[in-house]
């Protein structure tokens, strides 16, 4: 028997598995958006417009932007910004004041090292010390009534690169869900968000690969089977500065001014919201190892995967049947 849809045409029995895809370049990376079972491309196109709008507000790589306006007024006067920008800046500053590794005022140190750019270099110890005086989140005045931000010391600079992608990914999911889209994938380069149940597998679960930190992007060393979630990775393998036989990665420590040193190649956080994945990858990368009671009272944190320099994959929060080893050069350890 032939099934007829409401247009009077034969229905597509596998419509839920049909996908629409759109690539985009923004936020300094290649973006990949996919929706399953949708009847229009509008939801993909409008998502790219959403990304571009947020980038125009939040970027520190070009002017004008709201964040650059804040930075340019450092030591001079407060700057009023949009509600969305203010909310994100406030959360970033409050997190920075917890001193677990995340610091939205790291901008002066990032600009000093320039790791990932053509003019990257190793700064002098004196220059690093001077810039450490500019990264104190206590020197930010937030005004909830005026939506204004004031960096009180000249030379200070906000940099939301450690939180913005997660925030934007969550906004795309909100937009899709507001229009009834049931399943999709958001890939913002290091930030993955799996929306709804997977139509690709009979168990309706997603398969998320863990990147091999020793090879180019796209090579997975393990696969995690999971429900709808965000997967965010922080790793030292993508942006490097090689100088005098030493390799410097881009994750800077606001206490020393140098890249954070530990035994980790990467940390991947699985969470309900992508912004929390951003926050927790930083927390756990700076800790350098799984933290006791990390998931306590946090049902929105599903698990973490650590990849060490000794090629150990440490798994937190997942059962053995959820994790498949794909590269025998690595070995799995399940941590409580």
C-alpha atoms as a PDB file:
ATOM      1  CA  UNK A   1       0.000   0.000   0.000  1.00  0.00           C
ATOM      2  CA  UNK A   2       1.283   3.457  -0.891  1.00  0.00           C
ATOM      3  CA  UNK A   3       1.239   6.102   1.825  1.00  0.00           C
ATOM      4  CA  UNK A   4       0.048   9.548   0.681  1.00  0.00           C
ATOM      5  CA  UNK A   5       1.201  12.757   2.358  1.00  0.00           C
ATOM      6  CA  UNK A   6      -0.913  15.904   2.754  1.00  0.00           C
ATOM      7  CA  UNK A   7       0.194  17.253  -0.649  1.00  0.00           C
ATOM      8  CA  UNK A   8      -1.257  14.197  -2.322  1.00  0.00           C
ATOM      9  CA  UNK A   9       2.201  12.895  -3.232  1.00  0.00           C
ATOM     10  CA  UNK A  10       3.738   9.533  -2.221  1.00  0.00           C
ATOM     11  CA  UNK A  11       5.267   9.962   1.253  1.00  0.00           C
ATOM     12  CA  UNK A  12       8.976   9.436   1.830  1.00  0.00           C
ATOM     13  CA  UNK A  13       9.080   6.603   4.307  1.00  0.00           C
ATOM     14  CA  UNK A  14      12.641   7.497   5.404  1.00  0.00           C
ATOM     15  CA  UNK A  15      11.999  11.227   5.613  1.00  0.00           C
ATOM     16  CA  UNK A  16      13.287  11.349   9.220  1.00  0.00           C
ATOM     17  CA  UNK A  17      16.679  10.111   7.995  1.00  0.00           C
ATOM     18  CA  UNK A  18      16.924  12.557   5.105  1.00  0.00           C
ATOM     19  CA  UNK A  19      19.335  15.327   5.865  1.00  0.00           C
ATOM     20  CA  UNK A  20      19.906  18.893   4.792  1.00  0.00           C
ATOM     21  CA  UNK A  21      23.389  20.234   5.250  1.00  0.00           C
ATOM     22  CA  UNK A  22      25.021  23.659   5.120  1.00  0.00           C
ATOM     23  CA  UNK A  23      28.665  24.619   5.513  1.00  0.00           C
ATOM     24  CA  UNK A  24      29.734  28.039   6.715  1.00  0.00           C
ATOM     25  CA  UNK A  25      32.923  29.795   7.778  1.00  0.00           C
ATOM     26  CA  UNK A  26      32.776  31.973  10.880  1.00  0.00           C
ATOM     27  CA  UNK A  27      34.219  32.212  14.383  1.00  0.00           C
ATOM     28  CA  UNK A  28      37.614  31.442  12.879  1.00  0.00           C
ATOM     29  CA  UNK A  29      36.632  27.916  11.874  1.00  0.00           C
ATOM     30  CA  UNK A  30      34.697  25.779   9.384  1.00  0.00           C
ATOM     31  CA  UNK A  31      31.135  25.271  10.575  1.00  0.00           C
ATOM     32  CA  UNK A  32      28.904  22.360   9.658  1.00  0.00           C
ATOM     33  CA  UNK A  33      25.144  22.410  10.256  1.00  0.00           C
ATOM     34  CA  UNK A  34      22.870  19.423   9.592  1.00  0.00           C
ATOM     35  CA  UNK A  35      19.143  18.899  10.064  1.00  0.00           C
ATOM     36  CA  UNK A  36      17.265  15.625   9.642  1.00  0.00           C
ATOM     37  CA  UNK A  37      13.683  15.334   8.417  1.00  0.00           C
ATOM     38  CA  UNK A  38      13.235  19.021   7.679  1.00  0.00           C
ATOM     39  CA  UNK A  39      11.337  20.304   4.671  1.00  0.00           C
ATOM     40  CA  UNK A  40      13.213  23.616   4.248  1.00  0.00           C
ATOM     41  CA  UNK A  41      16.717  25.044   4.147  1.00  0.00           C
ATOM     42  CA  UNK A  42      15.596  28.213   5.930  1.00  0.00           C
ATOM     43  CA  UNK A  43      16.437  26.836   9.358  1.00  0.00           C
ATOM     44  CA  UNK A  44      20.043  26.212   8.289  1.00  0.00           C
ATOM     45  CA  UNK A  45      20.478  29.536   6.515  1.00  0.00           C
ATOM     46  CA  UNK A  46      18.968  31.484   9.391  1.00  0.00           C
ATOM     47  CA  UNK A  47      21.265  29.650  11.814  1.00  0.00           C
ATOM     48  CA  UNK A  48      24.275  30.985   9.887  1.00  0.00           C
ATOM     49  CA  UNK A  49      22.801  34.485  10.156  1.00  0.00           C
ATOM     50  CA  UNK A  50      22.518  33.944  13.902  1.00  0.00           C
ATOM     51  CA  UNK A  51      26.166  32.893  14.069  1.00  0.00           C
ATOM     52  CA  UNK A  52      27.292  35.919  12.063  1.00  0.00           C
ATOM     53  CA  UNK A  53      25.274  38.294  14.232  1.00  0.00           C
ATOM     54  CA  UNK A  54      26.810  36.958  17.440  1.00  0.00           C
ATOM     55  CA  UNK A  55      30.290  37.029  15.924  1.00  0.00           C
ATOM     56  CA  UNK A  56      29.800  40.665  14.943  1.00  0.00           C
ATOM     57  CA  UNK A  57      28.903  41.457  18.553  1.00  0.00           C
ATOM     58  CA  UNK A  58      31.503  39.332  20.341  1.00  0.00           C
ATOM     59  CA  UNK A  59      34.620  39.158  18.168  1.00  0.00           C
ATOM     60  CA  UNK A  60      37.950  40.662  19.213  1.00  0.00           C
ATOM     61  CA  UNK A  61      39.550  40.018  15.834  1.00  0.00           C
ATOM     62  CA  UNK A  62      38.001  42.980  14.059  1.00  0.00           C
ATOM     63  CA  UNK A  63      36.149  46.208  14.694  1.00  0.00           C
ATOM     64  CA  UNK A  64      33.535  47.297  15.264  1.00  0.00           C
ATOM     65  CA  UNK A  65      32.107  44.890  17.816  1.00  0.00           C
ATOM     66  CA  UNK A  66      30.562  45.362  21.221  1.00  0.00           C
ATOM     67  CA  UNK A  67      33.414  43.574  22.943  1.00  0.00           C
ATOM     68  CA  UNK A  68      36.001  45.640  21.075  1.00  0.00           C
ATOM     69  CA  UNK A  69      34.162  48.794  22.141  1.00  0.00           C
ATOM     70  CA  UNK A  70      34.533  47.650  25.761  1.00  0.00           C
ATOM     71  CA  UNK A  71      38.235  46.960  25.242  1.00  0.00           C
ATOM     72  CA  UNK A  72      38.936  50.259  23.507  1.00  0.00           C
ATOM     73  CA  UNK A  73      37.346  52.128  26.437  1.00  0.00           C
ATOM     74  CA  UNK A  74      39.459  50.355  29.080  1.00  0.00           C
ATOM     75  CA  UNK A  75      40.533  52.795  31.774  1.00  0.00           C
ATOM     76  CA  UNK A  76      38.308  55.520  30.325  1.00  0.00           C
ATOM     77  CA  UNK A  77      34.589  54.843  30.743  1.00  0.00           C
ATOM     78  CA  UNK A  78      31.868  52.144  30.867  1.00  0.00           C
ATOM     79  CA  UNK A  79      30.362  50.895  27.608  1.00  0.00           C
ATOM     80  CA  UNK A  80      26.698  49.984  27.237  1.00  0.00           C
ATOM     81  CA  UNK A  81      26.059  46.816  25.219  1.00  0.00           C
ATOM     82  CA  UNK A  82      23.106  44.694  24.116  1.00  0.00           C
ATOM     83  CA  UNK A  83      21.343  42.459  26.624  1.00  0.00           C
ATOM     84  CA  UNK A  84      22.727  39.278  25.056  1.00  0.00           C
ATOM     85  CA  UNK A  85      26.302  40.524  25.087  1.00  0.00           C
ATOM     86  CA  UNK A  86      25.986  41.831  28.639  1.00  0.00           C
ATOM     87  CA  UNK A  87      24.580  38.527  29.914  1.00  0.00           C
ATOM     88  CA  UNK A  88      27.433  36.558  28.376  1.00  0.00           C
ATOM     89  CA  UNK A  89      30.098  39.005  29.569  1.00  0.00           C
ATOM     90  CA  UNK A  90      28.671  38.950  33.094  1.00  0.00           C
ATOM     91  CA  UNK A  91      28.700  35.171  33.247  1.00  0.00           C
ATOM     92  CA  UNK A  92      32.237  35.068  31.849  1.00  0.00           C
ATOM     93  CA  UNK A  93      33.507  37.607  34.384  1.00  0.00           C
ATOM     94  CA  UNK A  94      31.819  35.848  37.300  1.00  0.00           C
ATOM     95  CA  UNK A  95      33.364  32.529  36.230  1.00  0.00           C
ATOM     96  CA  UNK A  96      36.748  34.212  35.909  1.00  0.00           C
ATOM     97  CA  UNK A  97      36.509  35.338  39.531  1.00  0.00           C
ATOM     98  CA  UNK A  98      36.301  31.684  40.617  1.00  0.00           C
ATOM     99  CA  UNK A  99      39.960  31.234  39.507  1.00  0.00           C
ATOM    100  CA  UNK A 100      39.766  27.648  38.215  1.00  0.00           C
ATOM    101  CA  UNK A 101      41.547  28.375  34.935  1.00  0.00           C
ATOM    102  CA  UNK A 102      38.918  30.178  32.920  1.00  0.00           C
ATOM    103  CA  UNK A 103      39.649  33.903  32.544  1.00  0.00           C
ATOM    104  CA  UNK A 104      37.738  36.129  30.129  1.00  0.00           C
ATOM    105  CA  UNK A 105      40.302  38.884  30.755  1.00  0.00           C
ATOM    106  CA  UNK A 106      43.118  36.793  29.285  1.00  0.00           C
ATOM    107  CA  UNK A 107      43.068  38.958  26.132  1.00  0.00           C
ATOM    108  CA  UNK A 108      46.303  40.896  26.805  1.00  0.00           C
ATOM    109  CA  UNK A 109      48.256  37.657  27.239  1.00  0.00           C
ATOM    110  CA  UNK A 110      46.655  36.118  24.133  1.00  0.00           C
ATOM    111  CA  UNK A 111      47.608  39.201  22.150  1.00  0.00           C
ATOM    112  CA  UNK A 112      51.132  39.086  23.562  1.00  0.00           C
ATOM    113  CA  UNK A 113      51.812  35.485  22.515  1.00  0.00           C
ATOM    114  CA  UNK A 114      49.676  35.508  19.310  1.00  0.00           C
ATOM    115  CA  UNK A 115      49.768  31.693  19.167  1.00  0.00           C
ATOM    116  CA  UNK A 116      47.870  30.553  16.083  1.00  0.00           C
ATOM    117  CA  UNK A 117      48.761  33.701  14.132  1.00  0.00           C
ATOM    118  CA  UNK A 118      51.643  34.378  11.751  1.00  0.00           C
ATOM    119  CA  UNK A 119      53.334  36.755  14.186  1.00  0.00           C
ATOM    120  CA  UNK A 120      53.365  34.361  17.163  1.00  0.00           C
ATOM    121  CA  UNK A 121      56.446  34.638  19.386  1.00  0.00           C
ATOM    122  CA  UNK A 122      57.729  33.807  22.874  1.00  0.00           C
ATOM    123  CA  UNK A 123      57.515  37.001  24.969  1.00  0.00           C
ATOM    124  CA  UNK A 124      60.181  38.114  27.399  1.00  0.00           C
ATOM    125  CA  UNK A 125      59.599  37.365  31.096  1.00  0.00           C
ATOM    126  CA  UNK A 126      59.329  41.104  31.730  1.00  0.00           C
ATOM    127  CA  UNK A 127      56.623  41.512  29.098  1.00  0.00           C
ATOM    128  CA  UNK A 128      54.697  38.571  30.532  1.00  0.00           C
ATOM    129  CA  UNK A 129      54.879  40.046  34.026  1.00  0.00           C
ATOM    130  CA  UNK A 130      53.617  43.402  32.766  1.00  0.00           C
ATOM    131  CA  UNK A 131      50.660  41.745  31.060  1.00  0.00           C
ATOM    132  CA  UNK A 132      49.776  39.656  34.130  1.00  0.00           C
ATOM    133  CA  UNK A 133      48.803  42.945  35.744  1.00  0.00           C
ATOM    134  CA  UNK A 134      46.089  43.362  33.105  1.00  0.00           C
ATOM    135  CA  UNK A 135      44.179  40.083  33.534  1.00  0.00           C
ATOM    136  CA  UNK A 136      42.603  40.498  36.973  1.00  0.00           C
ATOM    137  CA  UNK A 137      38.800  39.986  36.692  1.00  0.00           C
ATOM    138  CA  UNK A 138      38.360  41.997  39.900  1.00  0.00           C
ATOM    139  CA  UNK A 139      39.050  45.093  37.801  1.00  0.00           C
ATOM    140  CA  UNK A 140      35.755  44.849  35.904  1.00  0.00           C
ATOM    141  CA  UNK A 141      32.703  46.877  36.866  1.00  0.00           C
ATOM    142  CA  UNK A 142      29.365  45.406  35.755  1.00  0.00           C
ATOM    143  CA  UNK A 143      26.192  47.496  35.845  1.00  0.00           C
ATOM    144  CA  UNK A 144      23.032  45.383  35.605  1.00  0.00           C
ATOM    145  CA  UNK A 145      20.755  48.407  35.240  1.00  0.00           C
ATOM    146  CA  UNK A 146      22.663  50.034  32.376  1.00  0.00           C
ATOM    147  CA  UNK A 147      23.958  46.811  30.720  1.00  0.00           C
ATOM    148  CA  UNK A 148      27.379  48.439  30.860  1.00  0.00           C
ATOM    149  CA  UNK A 149      30.871  47.011  31.292  1.00  0.00           C
ATOM    150  CA  UNK A 150      33.892  48.962  32.485  1.00  0.00           C
ATOM    151  CA  UNK A 151      37.461  47.656  32.405  1.00  0.00           C
ATOM    152  CA  UNK A 152      39.037  49.946  34.962  1.00  0.00           C
ATOM    153  CA  UNK A 153      42.711  49.571  33.983  1.00  0.00           C
ATOM    154  CA  UNK A 154      44.037  50.834  30.627  1.00  0.00           C
ATOM    155  CA  UNK A 155      45.220  47.950  28.465  1.00  0.00           C
ATOM    156  CA  UNK A 156      42.746  45.393  29.819  1.00  0.00           C
ATOM    157  CA  UNK A 157      40.862  43.353  27.215  1.00  0.00           C
ATOM    158  CA  UNK A 158      37.975  40.931  27.264  1.00  0.00           C
ATOM    159  CA  UNK A 159      38.308  37.787  25.161  1.00  0.00           C
ATOM    160  CA  UNK A 160      35.228  35.545  25.077  1.00  0.00           C
ATOM    161  CA  UNK A 161      36.847  32.927  22.856  1.00  0.00           C
ATOM    162  CA  UNK A 162      36.716  30.399  25.692  1.00  0.00           C
ATOM    163  CA  UNK A 163      32.939  30.535  26.025  1.00  0.00           C
ATOM    164  CA  UNK A 164      31.333  32.130  22.950  1.00  0.00           C
ATOM    165  CA  UNK A 165      31.106  29.057  20.707  1.00  0.00           C
ATOM    166  CA  UNK A 166      29.221  27.115  23.341  1.00  0.00           C
ATOM    167  CA  UNK A 167      26.832  29.980  23.914  1.00  0.00           C
ATOM    168  CA  UNK A 168      26.173  30.328  20.168  1.00  0.00           C
ATOM    169  CA  UNK A 169      25.670  26.581  19.676  1.00  0.00           C
ATOM    170  CA  UNK A 170      23.011  26.622  22.407  1.00  0.00           C
ATOM    171  CA  UNK A 171      21.243  29.534  20.724  1.00  0.00           C
ATOM    172  CA  UNK A 172      21.120  27.619  17.423  1.00  0.00           C
ATOM    173  CA  UNK A 173      19.544  24.659  19.205  1.00  0.00           C
ATOM    174  CA  UNK A 174      16.983  26.997  20.830  1.00  0.00           C
ATOM    175  CA  UNK A 175      16.125  28.408  17.404  1.00  0.00           C
ATOM    176  CA  UNK A 176      15.707  25.002  15.791  1.00  0.00           C
ATOM    177  CA  UNK A 177      13.579  23.680  18.634  1.00  0.00           C
ATOM    178  CA  UNK A 178      11.375  26.794  18.531  1.00  0.00           C
ATOM    179  CA  UNK A 179      10.410  25.781  14.982  1.00  0.00           C
ATOM    180  CA  UNK A 180       9.843  22.128  15.837  1.00  0.00           C
ATOM    181  CA  UNK A 181      13.021  20.692  14.349  1.00  0.00           C
ATOM    182  CA  UNK A 182      13.526  17.299  15.933  1.00  0.00           C
ATOM    183  CA  UNK A 183      17.062  16.178  15.102  1.00  0.00           C
ATOM    184  CA  UNK A 184      20.263  17.779  13.921  1.00  0.00           C
ATOM    185  CA  UNK A 185      23.976  18.313  14.429  1.00  0.00           C
ATOM    186  CA  UNK A 186      25.792  21.565  15.110  1.00  0.00           C
ATOM    187  CA  UNK A 187      29.560  21.519  14.578  1.00  0.00           C
ATOM    188  CA  UNK A 188      31.317  24.769  15.421  1.00  0.00           C
ATOM    189  CA  UNK A 189      34.820  23.319  15.256  1.00  0.00           C
ATOM    190  CA  UNK A 190      35.624  21.722  18.611  1.00  0.00           C
ATOM    191  CA  UNK A 191      32.028  22.220  19.754  1.00  0.00           C
ATOM    192  CA  UNK A 192      29.513  19.562  18.767  1.00  0.00           C
ATOM    193  CA  UNK A 193      25.849  19.655  19.691  1.00  0.00           C
ATOM    194  CA  UNK A 194      23.619  16.692  18.903  1.00  0.00           C
ATOM    195  CA  UNK A 195      19.985  17.811  18.885  1.00  0.00           C
ATOM    196  CA  UNK A 196      17.233  15.307  19.568  1.00  0.00           C
ATOM    197  CA  UNK A 197      17.448  11.563  19.025  1.00  0.00           C
ATOM    198  CA  UNK A 198      19.743  10.266  16.311  1.00  0.00           C
ATOM    199  CA  UNK A 199      17.920   9.067  13.175  1.00  0.00           C
ATOM    200  CA  UNK A 200      21.112   7.360  11.985  1.00  0.00           C
ATOM    201  CA  UNK A 201      21.030   4.329  14.282  1.00  0.00           C
ATOM    202  CA  UNK A 202      18.360   1.868  15.353  1.00  0.00           C
ATOM    203  CA  UNK A 203      18.929   2.667  19.034  1.00  0.00           C
ATOM    204  CA  UNK A 204      18.454   6.413  18.309  1.00  0.00           C
ATOM    205  CA  UNK A 205      21.780   7.164  20.017  1.00  0.00           C
ATOM    206  CA  UNK A 206      24.578   9.327  18.662  1.00  0.00           C
ATOM    207  CA  UNK A 207      28.156   8.170  18.071  1.00  0.00           C
ATOM    208  CA  UNK A 208      30.715  10.822  18.976  1.00  0.00           C
ATOM    209  CA  UNK A 209      34.341  10.341  18.030  1.00  0.00           C
ATOM    210  CA  UNK A 210      37.219  11.387  20.275  1.00  0.00           C
ATOM    211  CA  UNK A 211      39.889  13.090  18.173  1.00  0.00           C
ATOM    212  CA  UNK A 212      43.365  11.592  17.956  1.00  0.00           C
ATOM    213  CA  UNK A 213      45.535  14.435  19.304  1.00  0.00           C
ATOM    214  CA  UNK A 214      48.552  13.156  17.362  1.00  0.00           C
ATOM    215  CA  UNK A 215      47.032  13.303  13.874  1.00  0.00           C
ATOM    216  CA  UNK A 216      45.033  15.773  11.738  1.00  0.00           C
ATOM    217  CA  UNK A 217      41.382  16.399  12.604  1.00  0.00           C
ATOM    218  CA  UNK A 218      39.003  13.626  11.602  1.00  0.00           C
ATOM    219  CA  UNK A 219      40.881  10.641  13.059  1.00  0.00           C
ATOM    220  CA  UNK A 220      39.098   9.182  16.086  1.00  0.00           C
ATOM    221  CA  UNK A 221      40.723   7.036  18.774  1.00  0.00           C
ATOM    222  CA  UNK A 222      37.454   6.159  20.524  1.00  0.00           C
ATOM    223  CA  UNK A 223      33.716   6.451  20.021  1.00  0.00           C
ATOM    224  CA  UNK A 224      31.143   7.349  22.676  1.00  0.00           C
ATOM    225  CA  UNK A 225      27.514   6.242  22.339  1.00  0.00           C
ATOM    226  CA  UNK A 226      25.218   8.807  23.911  1.00  0.00           C
ATOM    227  CA  UNK A 227      21.859  10.522  23.779  1.00  0.00           C
ATOM    228  CA  UNK A 228      21.287  14.178  22.838  1.00  0.00           C
ATOM    229  CA  UNK A 229      24.160  16.228  24.224  1.00  0.00           C
ATOM    230  CA  UNK A 230      26.947  18.679  23.651  1.00  0.00           C
ATOM    231  CA  UNK A 231      30.522  17.492  23.239  1.00  0.00           C
ATOM    232  CA  UNK A 232      33.228  20.133  23.682  1.00  0.00           C
ATOM    233  CA  UNK A 233      36.955  19.475  23.435  1.00  0.00           C
ATOM    234  CA  UNK A 234      39.862  21.527  24.713  1.00  0.00           C
ATOM    235  CA  UNK A 235      43.221  20.308  23.490  1.00  0.00           C
ATOM    236  CA  UNK A 236      46.788  21.436  23.053  1.00  0.00           C
ATOM    237  CA  UNK A 237      47.188  19.887  19.612  1.00  0.00           C
ATOM    238  CA  UNK A 238      45.589  22.416  17.259  1.00  0.00           C
ATOM    239  CA  UNK A 239      47.508  25.670  17.843  1.00  0.00           C
ATOM    240  CA  UNK A 240      51.223  25.595  18.556  1.00  0.00           C
ATOM    241  CA  UNK A 241      54.295  27.780  18.554  1.00  0.00           C
ATOM    242  CA  UNK A 242      57.555  25.925  17.986  1.00  0.00           C
ATOM    243  CA  UNK A 243      60.625  27.829  19.259  1.00  0.00           C
ATOM    244  CA  UNK A 244      64.137  26.662  20.176  1.00  0.00           C
ATOM    245  CA  UNK A 245      63.056  23.029  20.325  1.00  0.00           C
ATOM    246  CA  UNK A 246      60.104  23.718  22.628  1.00  0.00           C
ATOM    247  CA  UNK A 247      56.423  23.557  21.741  1.00  0.00           C
ATOM    248  CA  UNK A 248      54.068  26.137  23.247  1.00  0.00           C
ATOM    249  CA  UNK A 249      50.319  25.534  23.026  1.00  0.00           C
ATOM    250  CA  UNK A 250      47.589  28.193  23.179  1.00  0.00           C
ATOM    251  CA  UNK A 251      45.956  27.454  26.563  1.00  0.00           C
ATOM    252  CA  UNK A 252      47.493  30.156  28.741  1.00  0.00           C
ATOM    253  CA  UNK A 253      47.649  30.137  32.544  1.00  0.00           C
ATOM    254  CA  UNK A 254      46.676  33.512  34.006  1.00  0.00           C
ATOM    255  CA  UNK A 255      48.799  32.808  37.085  1.00  0.00           C
ATOM    256  CA  UNK A 256      52.088  32.324  35.232  1.00  0.00           C
ATOM    257  CA  UNK A 257      51.495  33.918  31.828  1.00  0.00           C
ATOM    258  CA  UNK A 258      52.757  30.770  30.112  1.00  0.00           C
ATOM    259  CA  UNK A 259      50.880  27.817  28.555  1.00  0.00           C
ATOM    260  CA  UNK A 260      49.432  25.503  31.207  1.00  0.00           C
ATOM    261  CA  UNK A 261      51.702  22.514  31.745  1.00  0.00           C
ATOM    262  CA  UNK A 262      50.308  19.089  32.638  1.00  0.00           C
ATOM    263  CA  UNK A 263      50.025  15.535  31.330  1.00  0.00           C
ATOM    264  CA  UNK A 264      46.954  16.106  29.157  1.00  0.00           C
ATOM    265  CA  UNK A 265      46.583  16.257  25.398  1.00  0.00           C
ATOM    266  CA  UNK A 266      42.843  16.966  25.533  1.00  0.00           C
ATOM    267  CA  UNK A 267      39.659  16.885  27.569  1.00  0.00           C
ATOM    268  CA  UNK A 268      36.183  16.336  26.084  1.00  0.00           C
ATOM    269  CA  UNK A 269      33.099  17.193  28.116  1.00  0.00           C
ATOM    270  CA  UNK A 270      29.650  15.736  27.412  1.00  0.00           C
ATOM    271  CA  UNK A 271      26.911  17.958  28.814  1.00  0.00           C
ATOM    272  CA  UNK A 272      23.376  19.146  28.245  1.00  0.00           C
ATOM    273  CA  UNK A 273      24.401  22.665  27.219  1.00  0.00           C
ATOM    274  CA  UNK A 274      27.406  23.524  25.111  1.00  0.00           C
ATOM    275  CA  UNK A 275      28.344  26.568  27.196  1.00  0.00           C
ATOM    276  CA  UNK A 276      28.774  24.288  30.212  1.00  0.00           C
ATOM    277  CA  UNK A 277      31.003  22.053  28.111  1.00  0.00           C
ATOM    278  CA  UNK A 278      33.213  25.068  27.390  1.00  0.00           C
ATOM    279  CA  UNK A 279      33.437  25.920  31.079  1.00  0.00           C
ATOM    280  CA  UNK A 280      34.090  22.401  32.282  1.00  0.00           C
ATOM    281  CA  UNK A 281      36.738  21.560  29.681  1.00  0.00           C
ATOM    282  CA  UNK A 282      38.719  24.496  31.030  1.00  0.00           C
ATOM    283  CA  UNK A 283      38.142  23.461  34.638  1.00  0.00           C
ATOM    284  CA  UNK A 284      39.277  19.882  34.056  1.00  0.00           C
ATOM    285  CA  UNK A 285      42.139  20.766  31.707  1.00  0.00           C
ATOM    286  CA  UNK A 286      43.607  23.083  34.325  1.00  0.00           C
ATOM    287  CA  UNK A 287      43.060  20.448  37.028  1.00  0.00           C
ATOM    288  CA  UNK A 288      44.977  18.017  34.818  1.00  0.00           C
ATOM    289  CA  UNK A 289      43.024  14.961  35.986  1.00  0.00           C
ATOM    290  CA  UNK A 290      39.503  13.845  36.941  1.00  0.00           C
ATOM    291  CA  UNK A 291      38.149  15.740  39.955  1.00  0.00           C
ATOM    292  CA  UNK A 292      36.418  13.932  42.822  1.00  0.00           C
ATOM    293  CA  UNK A 293      32.652  14.468  42.857  1.00  0.00           C
ATOM    294  CA  UNK A 294      32.899  16.484  39.639  1.00  0.00           C
ATOM    295  CA  UNK A 295      29.378  15.444  38.595  1.00  0.00           C
ATOM    296  CA  UNK A 296      27.874  15.680  42.078  1.00  0.00           C
ATOM    297  CA  UNK A 297      24.536  17.525  41.967  1.00  0.00           C
ATOM    298  CA  UNK A 298      25.083  18.225  38.257  1.00  0.00           C
ATOM    299  CA  UNK A 299      22.761  15.979  36.231  1.00  0.00           C
ATOM    300  CA  UNK A 300      23.499  18.227  33.239  1.00  0.00           C
ATOM    301  CA  UNK A 301      27.104  16.950  33.122  1.00  0.00           C
ATOM    302  CA  UNK A 302      27.080  13.528  31.457  1.00  0.00           C
ATOM    303  CA  UNK A 303      30.743  12.573  31.356  1.00  0.00           C
ATOM    304  CA  UNK A 304      34.331  13.444  30.459  1.00  0.00           C
ATOM    305  CA  UNK A 305      37.066  11.866  28.347  1.00  0.00           C
ATOM    306  CA  UNK A 306      40.711  12.680  29.152  1.00  0.00           C
ATOM    307  CA  UNK A 307      43.488  11.860  26.678  1.00  0.00           C
ATOM    308  CA  UNK A 308      46.945  11.879  28.262  1.00  0.00           C
ATOM    309  CA  UNK A 309      50.402  12.232  26.739  1.00  0.00           C
ATOM    310  CA  UNK A 310      50.972   8.571  27.671  1.00  0.00           C
ATOM    311  CA  UNK A 311      48.137   7.588  25.284  1.00  0.00           C
ATOM    312  CA  UNK A 312      45.730   6.730  28.040  1.00  0.00           C
ATOM    313  CA  UNK A 313      42.034   7.462  27.570  1.00  0.00           C
ATOM    314  CA  UNK A 314      40.514   8.122  30.987  1.00  0.00           C
ATOM    315  CA  UNK A 315      36.714   7.830  31.032  1.00  0.00           C
ATOM    316  CA  UNK A 316      34.485   9.485  33.626  1.00  0.00           C
ATOM    317  CA  UNK A 317      30.702   9.143  33.803  1.00  0.00           C
ATOM    318  CA  UNK A 318      30.195   6.527  31.066  1.00  0.00           C
ATOM    319  CA  UNK A 319      29.680   2.790  31.252  1.00  0.00           C
ATOM    320  CA  UNK A 320      32.154   0.492  29.442  1.00  0.00           C
ATOM    321  CA  UNK A 321      29.519  -0.497  26.881  1.00  0.00           C
ATOM    322  CA  UNK A 322      29.201   3.172  25.843  1.00  0.00           C
ATOM    323  CA  UNK A 323      32.860   3.618  24.856  1.00  0.00           C
ATOM    324  CA  UNK A 324      34.519   1.798  21.961  1.00  0.00           C
ATOM    325  CA  UNK A 325      38.292   1.899  21.484  1.00  0.00           C
ATOM    326  CA  UNK A 326      39.189   2.552  17.836  1.00  0.00           C
ATOM    327  CA  UNK A 327      42.986   2.832  18.030  1.00  0.00           C
ATOM    328  CA  UNK A 328      45.021   0.114  19.723  1.00  0.00           C
ATOM    329  CA  UNK A 329      47.896   2.538  20.356  1.00  0.00           C
ATOM    330  CA  UNK A 330      45.726   3.943  23.158  1.00  0.00           C
ATOM    331  CA  UNK A 331      44.241   2.163  26.160  1.00  0.00           C
ATOM    332  CA  UNK A 332      41.024   2.776  28.089  1.00  0.00           C
ATOM    333  CA  UNK A 333      40.746   3.378  31.822  1.00  0.00           C
ATOM    334  CA  UNK A 334      37.397   3.907  33.537  1.00  0.00           C
ATOM    335  CA  UNK A 335      37.595   6.291  36.497  1.00  0.00           C
ATOM    336  CA  UNK A 336      35.007   6.668  39.279  1.00  0.00           C
END
